[in-house]
Amino acid sequence: FDKGVTHFDLANNYGPPPGAAEELFGDVMARDFRPY
């Protein structure tokens, strides 16, 4: 993001296990990315 990458692409089954990538990204969103 600091280098201008504004697009983050996920899917329901990304992980492993399925759903884990969205959960991890959700943590980053809640703790650090929310203002942006």
Full PDB file with SEQRES, HELIX, SHEET, SSBOND, CRYST1, ORIGX, SCALE, CONECT and MASTER records, all heavy atoms in Angstrom:
SEQRES   1 A   36  PHE ASP LYS GLY VAL THR HIS PHE ASP LEU ALA ASN ASN          
SEQRES   2 A   36  TYR GLY PRO PRO PRO GLY ALA ALA GLU GLU LEU PHE GLY          
SEQRES   3 A   36  ASP VAL MET ALA ARG ASP PHE ARG PRO TYR                      
HELIX    1 AA1 ALA A   20  VAL A   28  1                                   9    
HELIX    2 AA2 MET A   29  PHE A   33  3                                   5    
CRYST1    1.000    1.000    1.000  90.00  90.00  90.00 P 1           1          
ORIGX1      1.000000  0.000000  0.000000        0.00000                         
ORIGX2      0.000000  1.000000  0.000000        0.00000                         
ORIGX3      0.000000  0.000000  1.000000        0.00000                         
SCALE1      1.000000  0.000000  0.000000        0.00000                         
SCALE2      0.000000  1.000000  0.000000        0.00000                         
SCALE3      0.000000  0.000000  1.000000        0.00000                         
ATOM      1  N   PHE A   1       0.826  -1.211   0.000  1.00  0.00           N  
ATOM      2  CA  PHE A   1       0.000   0.000   0.000  1.00  0.00           C  
ATOM      3  C   PHE A   1       0.860   1.260   0.000  1.00  0.00           C  
ATOM      4  O   PHE A   1       0.552   2.240  -0.688  1.00  0.00           O  
ATOM      5  CB  PHE A   1      -0.944  -0.018   1.206  1.00  0.00           C  
ATOM      6  CG  PHE A   1      -1.946   1.103   1.196  1.00  0.00           C  
ATOM      7  CD1 PHE A   1      -2.873   1.218   0.162  1.00  0.00           C  
ATOM      8  CD2 PHE A   1      -1.975   2.042   2.211  1.00  0.00           C  
ATOM      9  CE1 PHE A   1      -3.803   2.254   0.136  1.00  0.00           C  
ATOM     10  CE2 PHE A   1      -2.896   3.076   2.205  1.00  0.00           C  
ATOM     11  CZ  PHE A   1      -3.807   3.177   1.168  1.00  0.00           C  
ATOM     12  N   ASP A   2       1.943   1.226   0.747  1.00  0.00           N  
ATOM     13  CA  ASP A   2       2.847   2.376   0.778  1.00  0.00           C  
ATOM     14  C   ASP A   2       3.487   2.644  -0.584  1.00  0.00           C  
ATOM     15  O   ASP A   2       3.949   3.759  -0.844  1.00  0.00           O  
ATOM     16  CB  ASP A   2       3.952   2.158   1.823  1.00  0.00           C  
ATOM     17  CG  ASP A   2       3.460   2.346   3.245  1.00  0.00           C  
ATOM     18  OD1 ASP A   2       2.371   2.919   3.428  1.00  0.00           O  
ATOM     19  OD2 ASP A   2       4.161   1.905   4.182  1.00  0.00           O  
ATOM     20  N   LYS A   3       3.521   1.622  -1.447  1.00  0.00           N  
ATOM     21  CA  LYS A   3       4.086   1.772  -2.784  1.00  0.00           C  
ATOM     22  C   LYS A   3       3.010   2.013  -3.846  1.00  0.00           C  
ATOM     23  O   LYS A   3       3.293   1.970  -5.040  1.00  0.00           O  
ATOM     24  CB  LYS A   3       4.911   0.538  -3.153  1.00  0.00           C  
ATOM     25  CG  LYS A   3       6.151   0.348  -2.287  1.00  0.00           C  
ATOM     26  CD  LYS A   3       7.119   1.515  -2.406  1.00  0.00           C  
ATOM     27  CE  LYS A   3       8.363   1.297  -1.557  1.00  0.00           C  
ATOM     28  NZ  LYS A   3       9.318   2.437  -1.662  1.00  0.00           N  
ATOM     29  N   GLY A   4       1.786   2.263  -3.417  1.00  0.00           N  
ATOM     30  CA  GLY A   4       0.733   2.604  -4.367  1.00  0.00           C  
ATOM     31  C   GLY A   4      -0.124   1.450  -4.823  1.00  0.00           C  
ATOM     32  O   GLY A   4      -0.970   1.630  -5.713  1.00  0.00           O  
ATOM     33  N   VAL A   5       0.069   0.256  -4.257  1.00  0.00           N  
ATOM     34  CA  VAL A   5      -0.789  -0.882  -4.582  1.00  0.00           C  
ATOM     35  C   VAL A   5      -2.089  -0.699  -3.803  1.00  0.00           C  
ATOM     36  O   VAL A   5      -2.139  -0.916  -2.593  1.00  0.00           O  
ATOM     37  CB  VAL A   5      -0.122  -2.220  -4.221  1.00  0.00           C  
ATOM     38  CG1 VAL A   5      -1.078  -3.378  -4.497  1.00  0.00           C  
ATOM     39  CG2 VAL A   5       1.174  -2.398  -4.998  1.00  0.00           C  
ATOM     40  N   THR A   6      -3.126  -0.313  -4.496  1.00  0.00           N  
ATOM     41  CA  THR A   6      -4.396  -0.008  -3.839  1.00  0.00           C  
ATOM     42  C   THR A   6      -5.420  -1.131  -3.966  1.00  0.00           C  
ATOM     43  O   THR A   6      -6.484  -1.064  -3.367  1.00  0.00           O  
ATOM     44  CB  THR A   6      -5.010   1.261  -4.454  1.00  0.00           C  
ATOM     45  OG1 THR A   6      -5.093   1.090  -5.883  1.00  0.00           O  
ATOM     46  CG2 THR A   6      -4.161   2.486  -4.139  1.00  0.00           C  
ATOM     47  N   HIS A   7      -5.104  -2.158  -4.760  1.00  0.00           N  
ATOM     48  CA  HIS A   7      -6.066  -3.229  -5.022  1.00  0.00           C  
ATOM     49  C   HIS A   7      -5.606  -4.519  -4.370  1.00  0.00           C  
ATOM     50  O   HIS A   7      -4.504  -5.018  -4.653  1.00  0.00           O  
ATOM     51  CB  HIS A   7      -6.218  -3.432  -6.527  1.00  0.00           C  
ATOM     52  CG  HIS A   7      -7.184  -4.521  -6.890  1.00  0.00           C  
ATOM     53  ND1 HIS A   7      -7.110  -5.215  -8.067  1.00  0.00           N  
ATOM     54  CD2 HIS A   7      -8.231  -5.061  -6.214  1.00  0.00           C  
ATOM     55  CE1 HIS A   7      -8.077  -6.113  -8.127  1.00  0.00           C  
ATOM     56  NE2 HIS A   7      -8.763  -6.049  -6.999  1.00  0.00           N  
ATOM     57  N   PHE A   8      -6.472  -5.089  -3.519  1.00  0.00           N  
ATOM     58  CA  PHE A   8      -6.205  -6.349  -2.840  1.00  0.00           C  
ATOM     59  C   PHE A   8      -7.314  -7.331  -3.226  1.00  0.00           C  
ATOM     60  O   PHE A   8      -8.494  -7.068  -3.015  1.00  0.00           O  
ATOM     61  CB  PHE A   8      -6.159  -6.150  -1.327  1.00  0.00           C  
ATOM     62  CG  PHE A   8      -5.091  -5.175  -0.901  1.00  0.00           C  
ATOM     63  CD1 PHE A   8      -5.395  -3.847  -0.676  1.00  0.00           C  
ATOM     64  CD2 PHE A   8      -3.770  -5.588  -0.774  1.00  0.00           C  
ATOM     65  CE1 PHE A   8      -4.408  -2.938  -0.304  1.00  0.00           C  
ATOM     66  CE2 PHE A   8      -2.774  -4.694  -0.398  1.00  0.00           C  
ATOM     67  CZ  PHE A   8      -3.095  -3.355  -0.167  1.00  0.00           C  
ATOM     68  N   ASP A   9      -6.899  -8.465  -3.791  1.00  0.00           N  
ATOM     69  CA  ASP A   9      -7.839  -9.411  -4.376  1.00  0.00           C  
ATOM     70  C   ASP A   9      -7.894 -10.696  -3.558  1.00  0.00           C  
ATOM     71  O   ASP A   9      -6.862 -11.325  -3.296  1.00  0.00           O  
ATOM     72  CB  ASP A   9      -7.417  -9.728  -5.814  1.00  0.00           C  
ATOM     73  CG  ASP A   9      -8.367 -10.699  -6.495  1.00  0.00           C  
ATOM     74  OD1 ASP A   9      -9.456 -10.257  -6.894  1.00  0.00           O  
ATOM     75  OD2 ASP A   9      -8.012 -11.885  -6.622  1.00  0.00           O  
ATOM     76  N   LEU A  10      -9.113 -11.111  -3.194  1.00  0.00           N  
ATOM     77  CA  LEU A  10      -9.323 -12.325  -2.416  1.00  0.00           C  
ATOM     78  C   LEU A  10     -10.429 -13.155  -3.044  1.00  0.00           C  
ATOM     79  O   LEU A  10     -10.991 -12.803  -4.067  1.00  0.00           O  
ATOM     80  CB  LEU A  10      -9.691 -11.970  -0.969  1.00  0.00           C  
ATOM     81  CG  LEU A  10      -8.643 -11.170  -0.196  1.00  0.00           C  
ATOM     82  CD1 LEU A  10      -9.051  -9.702  -0.124  1.00  0.00           C  
ATOM     83  CD2 LEU A  10      -8.419 -11.730   1.191  1.00  0.00           C  
ATOM     84  N   ALA A  11     -10.725 -14.287  -2.415  1.00  0.00           N  
ATOM     85  CA  ALA A  11     -11.872 -15.113  -2.766  1.00  0.00           C  
ATOM     86  C   ALA A  11     -12.294 -15.865  -1.522  1.00  0.00           C  
ATOM     87  O   ALA A  11     -11.515 -16.011  -0.568  1.00  0.00           O  
ATOM     88  CB  ALA A  11     -11.542 -16.087  -3.901  1.00  0.00           C  
ATOM     89  N   ASN A  12     -13.521 -16.382  -1.537  1.00  0.00           N  
ATOM     90  CA  ASN A  12     -14.026 -17.072  -0.351  1.00  0.00           C  
ATOM     91  C   ASN A  12     -13.150 -18.247   0.057  1.00  0.00           C  
ATOM     92  O   ASN A  12     -12.952 -18.511   1.242  1.00  0.00           O  
ATOM     93  CB  ASN A  12     -15.472 -17.533  -0.577  1.00  0.00           C  
ATOM     94  CG  ASN A  12     -15.633 -18.445  -1.789  1.00  0.00           C  
ATOM     95  OD1 ASN A  12     -14.703 -18.688  -2.555  1.00  0.00           O  
ATOM     96  ND2 ASN A  12     -16.843 -18.957  -1.968  1.00  0.00           N  
ATOM     97  N   ASN A  13     -12.590 -18.971  -0.921  1.00  0.00           N  
ATOM     98  CA  ASN A  13     -11.860 -20.202  -0.604  1.00  0.00           C  
ATOM     99  C   ASN A  13     -10.360 -20.008  -0.471  1.00  0.00           C  
ATOM    100  O   ASN A  13      -9.625 -20.986  -0.345  1.00  0.00           O  
ATOM    101  CB  ASN A  13     -12.133 -21.275  -1.666  1.00  0.00           C  
ATOM    102  CG  ASN A  13     -11.628 -20.864  -3.053  1.00  0.00           C  
ATOM    103  OD1 ASN A  13     -11.515 -19.674  -3.343  1.00  0.00           O  
ATOM    104  ND2 ASN A  13     -11.333 -21.832  -3.907  1.00  0.00           N  
ATOM    105  N   TYR A  14      -9.877 -18.770  -0.482  1.00  0.00           N  
ATOM    106  CA  TYR A  14      -8.433 -18.557  -0.367  1.00  0.00           C  
ATOM    107  C   TYR A  14      -7.977 -18.872   1.051  1.00  0.00           C  
ATOM    108  O   TYR A  14      -8.604 -18.496   2.027  1.00  0.00           O  
ATOM    109  CB  TYR A  14      -8.058 -17.128  -0.730  1.00  0.00           C  
ATOM    110  CG  TYR A  14      -8.106 -16.824  -2.214  1.00  0.00           C  
ATOM    111  CD1 TYR A  14      -8.483 -17.784  -3.148  1.00  0.00           C  
ATOM    112  CD2 TYR A  14      -7.770 -15.558  -2.691  1.00  0.00           C  
ATOM    113  CE1 TYR A  14      -8.526 -17.500  -4.497  1.00  0.00           C  
ATOM    114  CE2 TYR A  14      -7.816 -15.266  -4.046  1.00  0.00           C  
ATOM    115  CZ  TYR A  14      -8.191 -16.233  -4.950  1.00  0.00           C  
ATOM    116  OH  TYR A  14      -8.240 -15.954  -6.289  1.00  0.00           O  
ATOM    117  N   GLY A  15      -6.851 -19.514   1.145  1.00  0.00           N  
ATOM    118  CA  GLY A  15      -6.275 -19.918   2.423  1.00  0.00           C  
ATOM    119  C   GLY A  15      -4.880 -20.472   2.171  1.00  0.00           C  
ATOM    120  O   GLY A  15      -4.063 -19.776   1.569  1.00  0.00           O  
ATOM    121  N   PRO A  16      -4.655 -21.710   2.526  1.00  0.00           N  
ATOM    122  CA  PRO A  16      -5.578 -22.614   3.212  1.00  0.00           C  
ATOM    123  C   PRO A  16      -5.628 -22.354   4.715  1.00  0.00           C  
ATOM    124  O   PRO A  16      -4.678 -21.776   5.240  1.00  0.00           O  
ATOM    125  CB  PRO A  16      -4.977 -23.994   2.911  1.00  0.00           C  
ATOM    126  CG  PRO A  16      -3.508 -23.727   2.756  1.00  0.00           C  
ATOM    127  CD  PRO A  16      -3.396 -22.359   2.165  1.00  0.00           C  
ATOM    128  N   PRO A  17      -6.678 -22.802   5.425  1.00  0.00           N  
ATOM    129  CA  PRO A  17      -7.890 -23.411   4.890  1.00  0.00           C  
ATOM    130  C   PRO A  17      -8.798 -22.368   4.270  1.00  0.00           C  
ATOM    131  O   PRO A  17      -8.555 -21.169   4.429  1.00  0.00           O  
ATOM    132  CB  PRO A  17      -8.528 -24.035   6.147  1.00  0.00           C  
ATOM    133  CG  PRO A  17      -8.116 -23.104   7.242  1.00  0.00           C  
ATOM    134  CD  PRO A  17      -6.709 -22.700   6.906  1.00  0.00           C  
ATOM    135  N   PRO A  18      -9.843 -22.797   3.545  1.00  0.00           N  
ATOM    136  CA  PRO A  18     -10.746 -21.833   2.916  1.00  0.00           C  
ATOM    137  C   PRO A  18     -11.275 -20.810   3.916  1.00  0.00           C  
ATOM    138  O   PRO A  18     -11.648 -21.154   5.043  1.00  0.00           O  
ATOM    139  CB  PRO A  18     -11.878 -22.725   2.384  1.00  0.00           C  
ATOM    140  CG  PRO A  18     -11.215 -24.045   2.130  1.00  0.00           C  
ATOM    141  CD  PRO A  18     -10.221 -24.190   3.240  1.00  0.00           C  
ATOM    142  N   GLY A  19     -11.260 -19.543   3.513  1.00  0.00           N  
ATOM    143  CA  GLY A  19     -11.724 -18.471   4.381  1.00  0.00           C  
ATOM    144  C   GLY A  19     -10.629 -17.813   5.182  1.00  0.00           C  
ATOM    145  O   GLY A  19     -10.794 -16.682   5.674  1.00  0.00           O  
ATOM    146  N   ALA A  20      -9.466 -18.464   5.309  1.00  0.00           N  
ATOM    147  CA  ALA A  20      -8.413 -17.950   6.185  1.00  0.00           C  
ATOM    148  C   ALA A  20      -7.822 -16.639   5.667  1.00  0.00           C  
ATOM    149  O   ALA A  20      -7.486 -15.754   6.453  1.00  0.00           O  
ATOM    150  CB  ALA A  20      -7.306 -18.991   6.350  1.00  0.00           C  
ATOM    151  N   ALA A  21      -7.683 -16.510   4.346  1.00  0.00           N  
ATOM    152  CA  ALA A  21      -7.097 -15.280   3.803  1.00  0.00           C  
ATOM    153  C   ALA A  21      -8.009 -14.089   4.070  1.00  0.00           C  
ATOM    154  O   ALA A  21      -7.537 -13.003   4.429  1.00  0.00           O  
ATOM    155  CB  ALA A  21      -6.837 -15.441   2.311  1.00  0.00           C  
ATOM    156  N   GLU A  22      -9.312 -14.274   3.898  1.00  0.00           N  
ATOM    157  CA  GLU A  22     -10.241 -13.179   4.180  1.00  0.00           C  
ATOM    158  C   GLU A  22     -10.221 -12.820   5.660  1.00  0.00           C  
ATOM    159  O   GLU A  22     -10.304 -11.638   6.022  1.00  0.00           O  
ATOM    160  CB  GLU A  22     -11.650 -13.564   3.738  1.00  0.00           C  
ATOM    161  CG  GLU A  22     -11.810 -13.606   2.226  1.00  0.00           C  
ATOM    162  CD  GLU A  22     -13.215 -13.930   1.788  1.00  0.00           C  
ATOM    163  OE1 GLU A  22     -13.924 -14.667   2.520  1.00  0.00           O  
ATOM    164  OE2 GLU A  22     -13.618 -13.463   0.705  1.00  0.00           O  
ATOM    165  N   GLU A  23     -10.123 -13.816   6.529  1.00  0.00           N  
ATOM    166  CA  GLU A  23     -10.061 -13.537   7.962  1.00  0.00           C  
ATOM    167  C   GLU A  23      -8.808 -12.742   8.320  1.00  0.00           C  
ATOM    168  O   GLU A  23      -8.869 -11.774   9.092  1.00  0.00           O  
ATOM    169  CB  GLU A  23     -10.094 -14.841   8.745  1.00  0.00           C  
ATOM    170  CG  GLU A  23     -11.438 -15.561   8.690  1.00  0.00           C  
ATOM    171  CD  GLU A  23     -11.399 -16.920   9.364  1.00  0.00           C  
ATOM    172  OE1 GLU A  23     -10.291 -17.363   9.746  1.00  0.00           O  
ATOM    173  OE2 GLU A  23     -12.469 -17.542   9.508  1.00  0.00           O  
ATOM    174  N   LEU A  24      -7.676 -13.141   7.747  1.00  0.00           N  
ATOM    175  CA  LEU A  24      -6.423 -12.439   8.027  1.00  0.00           C  
ATOM    176  C   LEU A  24      -6.474 -11.013   7.482  1.00  0.00           C  
ATOM    177  O   LEU A  24      -6.068 -10.058   8.160  1.00  0.00           O  
ATOM    178  CB  LEU A  24      -5.244 -13.196   7.426  1.00  0.00           C  
ATOM    179  CG  LEU A  24      -3.846 -12.616   7.670  1.00  0.00           C  
ATOM    180  CD1 LEU A  24      -3.580 -12.425   9.154  1.00  0.00           C  
ATOM    181  CD2 LEU A  24      -2.779 -13.508   7.046  1.00  0.00           C  
ATOM    182  N   PHE A  25      -6.984 -10.859   6.254  1.00  0.00           N  
ATOM    183  CA  PHE A  25      -7.105  -9.512   5.709  1.00  0.00           C  
ATOM    184  C   PHE A  25      -8.068  -8.682   6.553  1.00  0.00           C  
ATOM    185  O   PHE A  25      -7.855  -7.477   6.762  1.00  0.00           O  
ATOM    186  CB  PHE A  25      -7.578  -9.547   4.257  1.00  0.00           C  
ATOM    187  CG  PHE A  25      -7.558  -8.193   3.599  1.00  0.00           C  
ATOM    188  CD1 PHE A  25      -6.381  -7.675   3.085  1.00  0.00           C  
ATOM    189  CD2 PHE A  25      -8.719  -7.429   3.508  1.00  0.00           C  
ATOM    190  CE1 PHE A  25      -6.350  -6.417   2.497  1.00  0.00           C  
ATOM    191  CE2 PHE A  25      -8.695  -6.174   2.920  1.00  0.00           C  
ATOM    192  CZ  PHE A  25      -7.514  -5.674   2.411  1.00  0.00           C  
ATOM    193  N   GLY A  26      -9.113  -9.308   7.069  1.00  0.00           N  
ATOM    194  CA  GLY A  26     -10.035  -8.598   7.943  1.00  0.00           C  
ATOM    195  C   GLY A  26      -9.364  -8.092   9.203  1.00  0.00           C  
ATOM    196  O   GLY A  26      -9.667  -6.999   9.692  1.00  0.00           O  
ATOM    197  N   ASP A  27      -8.434  -8.884   9.733  1.00  0.00           N  
ATOM    198  CA  ASP A  27      -7.675  -8.434  10.904  1.00  0.00           C  
ATOM    199  C   ASP A  27      -6.842  -7.200  10.570  1.00  0.00           C  
ATOM    200  O   ASP A  27      -6.785  -6.238  11.348  1.00  0.00           O  
ATOM    201  CB  ASP A  27      -6.761  -9.549  11.409  1.00  0.00           C  
ATOM    202  CG  ASP A  27      -7.519 -10.669  12.100  1.00  0.00           C  
ATOM    203  OD1 ASP A  27      -8.688 -10.443  12.474  1.00  0.00           O  
ATOM    204  OD2 ASP A  27      -6.938 -11.766  12.259  1.00  0.00           O  
ATOM    205  N   VAL A  28      -6.176  -7.235   9.411  1.00  0.00           N  
ATOM    206  CA  VAL A  28      -5.364  -6.089   9.001  1.00  0.00           C  
ATOM    207  C   VAL A  28      -6.249  -4.870   8.773  1.00  0.00           C  
ATOM    208  O   VAL A  28      -5.902  -3.745   9.158  1.00  0.00           O  
ATOM    209  CB  VAL A  28      -4.558  -6.421   7.720  1.00  0.00           C  
ATOM    210  CG1 VAL A  28      -3.784  -5.200   7.233  1.00  0.00           C  
ATOM    211  CG2 VAL A  28      -3.595  -7.580   7.986  1.00  0.00           C  
ATOM    212  N   MET A  29      -7.409  -5.082   8.177  1.00  0.00           N  
ATOM    213  CA  MET A  29      -8.330  -3.982   7.944  1.00  0.00           C  
ATOM    214  C   MET A  29      -8.762  -3.351   9.270  1.00  0.00           C  
ATOM    215  O   MET A  29      -8.772  -2.126   9.432  1.00  0.00           O  
ATOM    216  CB  MET A  29      -9.542  -4.483   7.154  1.00  0.00           C  
ATOM    217  CG  MET A  29     -10.637  -3.445   6.920  1.00  0.00           C  
ATOM    218  SD  MET A  29     -10.076  -1.982   6.014  1.00  0.00           S  
ATOM    219  CE  MET A  29      -9.638  -2.724   4.453  1.00  0.00           C  
ATOM    220  N   ALA A  30      -9.119  -4.195  10.228  1.00  0.00           N  
ATOM    221  CA  ALA A  30      -9.626  -3.689  11.505  1.00  0.00           C  
ATOM    222  C   ALA A  30      -8.550  -2.972  12.309  1.00  0.00           C  
ATOM    223  O   ALA A  30      -8.813  -1.933  12.930  1.00  0.00           O  
ATOM    224  CB  ALA A  30     -10.215  -4.844  12.320  1.00  0.00           C  
ATOM    225  N   ARG A  31      -7.330  -3.512  12.289  1.00  0.00           N  
ATOM    226  CA  ARG A  31      -6.277  -2.989  13.151  1.00  0.00           C  
ATOM    227  C   ARG A  31      -5.469  -1.866  12.518  1.00  0.00           C  
ATOM    228  O   ARG A  31      -4.952  -1.003  13.239  1.00  0.00           O  
ATOM    229  CB  ARG A  31      -5.347  -4.135  13.565  1.00  0.00           C  
ATOM    230  CG  ARG A  31      -6.037  -5.175  14.443  1.00  0.00           C  
ATOM    231  CD  ARG A  31      -5.242  -6.452  14.592  1.00  0.00           C  
ATOM    232  NE  ARG A  31      -3.914  -6.274  15.153  1.00  0.00           N  
ATOM    233  CZ  ARG A  31      -3.079  -7.266  15.448  1.00  0.00           C  
ATOM    234  NH1 ARG A  31      -3.469  -8.528  15.229  1.00  0.00           N  
ATOM    235  NH2 ARG A  31      -1.893  -7.027  15.943  1.00  0.00           N  
ATOM    236  N   ASP A  32      -5.349  -1.864  11.188  1.00  0.00           N  
ATOM    237  CA  ASP A  32      -4.414  -0.922  10.562  1.00  0.00           C  
ATOM    238  C   ASP A  32      -4.947  -0.190   9.342  1.00  0.00           C  
ATOM    239  O   ASP A  32      -4.617   0.972   9.120  1.00  0.00           O  
ATOM    240  CB  ASP A  32      -3.138  -1.672  10.154  1.00  0.00           C  
ATOM    241  CG  ASP A  32      -2.405  -2.256  11.338  1.00  0.00           C  
ATOM    242  OD1 ASP A  32      -1.843  -1.465  12.114  1.00  0.00           O  
ATOM    243  OD2 ASP A  32      -2.415  -3.488  11.510  1.00  0.00           O  
ATOM    244  N   PHE A  33      -5.736  -0.856   8.513  1.00  0.00           N  
ATOM    245  CA  PHE A  33      -6.130  -0.280   7.227  1.00  0.00           C  
ATOM    246  C   PHE A  33      -7.442   0.494   7.267  1.00  0.00           C  
ATOM    247  O   PHE A  33      -7.791   1.147   6.288  1.00  0.00           O  
ATOM    248  CB  PHE A  33      -6.253  -1.399   6.177  1.00  0.00           C  
ATOM    249  CG  PHE A  33      -4.956  -1.786   5.522  1.00  0.00           C  
ATOM    250  CD1 PHE A  33      -3.756  -1.176   5.854  1.00  0.00           C  
ATOM    251  CD2 PHE A  33      -4.938  -2.779   4.545  1.00  0.00           C  
ATOM    252  CE1 PHE A  33      -2.554  -1.545   5.255  1.00  0.00           C  
ATOM    253  CE2 PHE A  33      -3.750  -3.150   3.921  1.00  0.00           C  
ATOM    254  CZ  PHE A  33      -2.552  -2.530   4.279  1.00  0.00           C  
ATOM    255  N   ARG A  34      -8.205   0.413   8.341  1.00  0.00           N  
ATOM    256  CA  ARG A  34      -9.537   1.014   8.374  1.00  0.00           C  
ATOM    257  C   ARG A  34      -9.557   2.485   7.941  1.00  0.00           C  
ATOM    258  O   ARG A  34     -10.441   2.892   7.172  1.00  0.00           O  
ATOM    259  CB  ARG A  34     -10.137   0.865   9.772  1.00  0.00           C  
ATOM    260  CG  ARG A  34     -11.571   1.398   9.913  1.00  0.00           C  
ATOM    261  CD  ARG A  34     -12.560   0.574   9.122  1.00  0.00           C  
ATOM    262  NE  ARG A  34     -12.606  -0.812   9.601  1.00  0.00           N  
ATOM    263  CZ  ARG A  34     -13.269  -1.779   9.006  1.00  0.00           C  
ATOM    264  NH1 ARG A  34     -13.927  -1.530   7.879  1.00  0.00           N  
ATOM    265  NH2 ARG A  34     -13.266  -3.008   9.488  1.00  0.00           N  
ATOM    266  N   PRO A  35      -8.604   3.326   8.380  1.00  0.00           N  
ATOM    267  CA  PRO A  35      -8.660   4.728   7.962  1.00  0.00           C  
ATOM    268  C   PRO A  35      -8.477   4.934   6.458  1.00  0.00           C  
ATOM    269  O   PRO A  35      -8.786   6.017   5.950  1.00  0.00           O  
ATOM    270  CB  PRO A  35      -7.497   5.367   8.740  1.00  0.00           C  
ATOM    271  CG  PRO A  35      -7.242   4.456   9.892  1.00  0.00           C  
ATOM    272  CD  PRO A  35      -7.532   3.090   9.372  1.00  0.00           C  
ATOM    273  N   TYR A  36      -7.996   3.897   5.767  1.00  0.00           N  
ATOM    274  CA  TYR A  36      -7.677   4.036   4.341  1.00  0.00           C  
ATOM    275  C   TYR A  36      -8.637   3.245   3.451  1.00  0.00           C  
ATOM    276  O   TYR A  36      -8.380   3.063   2.261  1.00  0.00           O  
ATOM    277  CB  TYR A  36      -6.234   3.570   4.090  1.00  0.00           C  
ATOM    278  CG  TYR A  36      -5.247   4.281   4.984  1.00  0.00           C  
ATOM    279  CD1 TYR A  36      -4.754   3.652   6.141  1.00  0.00           C  
ATOM    280  CD2 TYR A  36      -4.838   5.580   4.705  1.00  0.00           C  
ATOM    281  CE1 TYR A  36      -3.867   4.308   6.977  1.00  0.00           C  
ATOM    282  CE2 TYR A  36      -3.948   6.242   5.543  1.00  0.00           C  
ATOM    283  CZ  TYR A  36      -3.474   5.602   6.674  1.00  0.00           C  
ATOM    284  OH  TYR A  36      -2.590   6.263   7.507  1.00  0.00           O  
TER     285      TYR A  36                                                      
MASTER        0    0    0    2    0    0    0    6  284    1    0    3          
END                                                                             
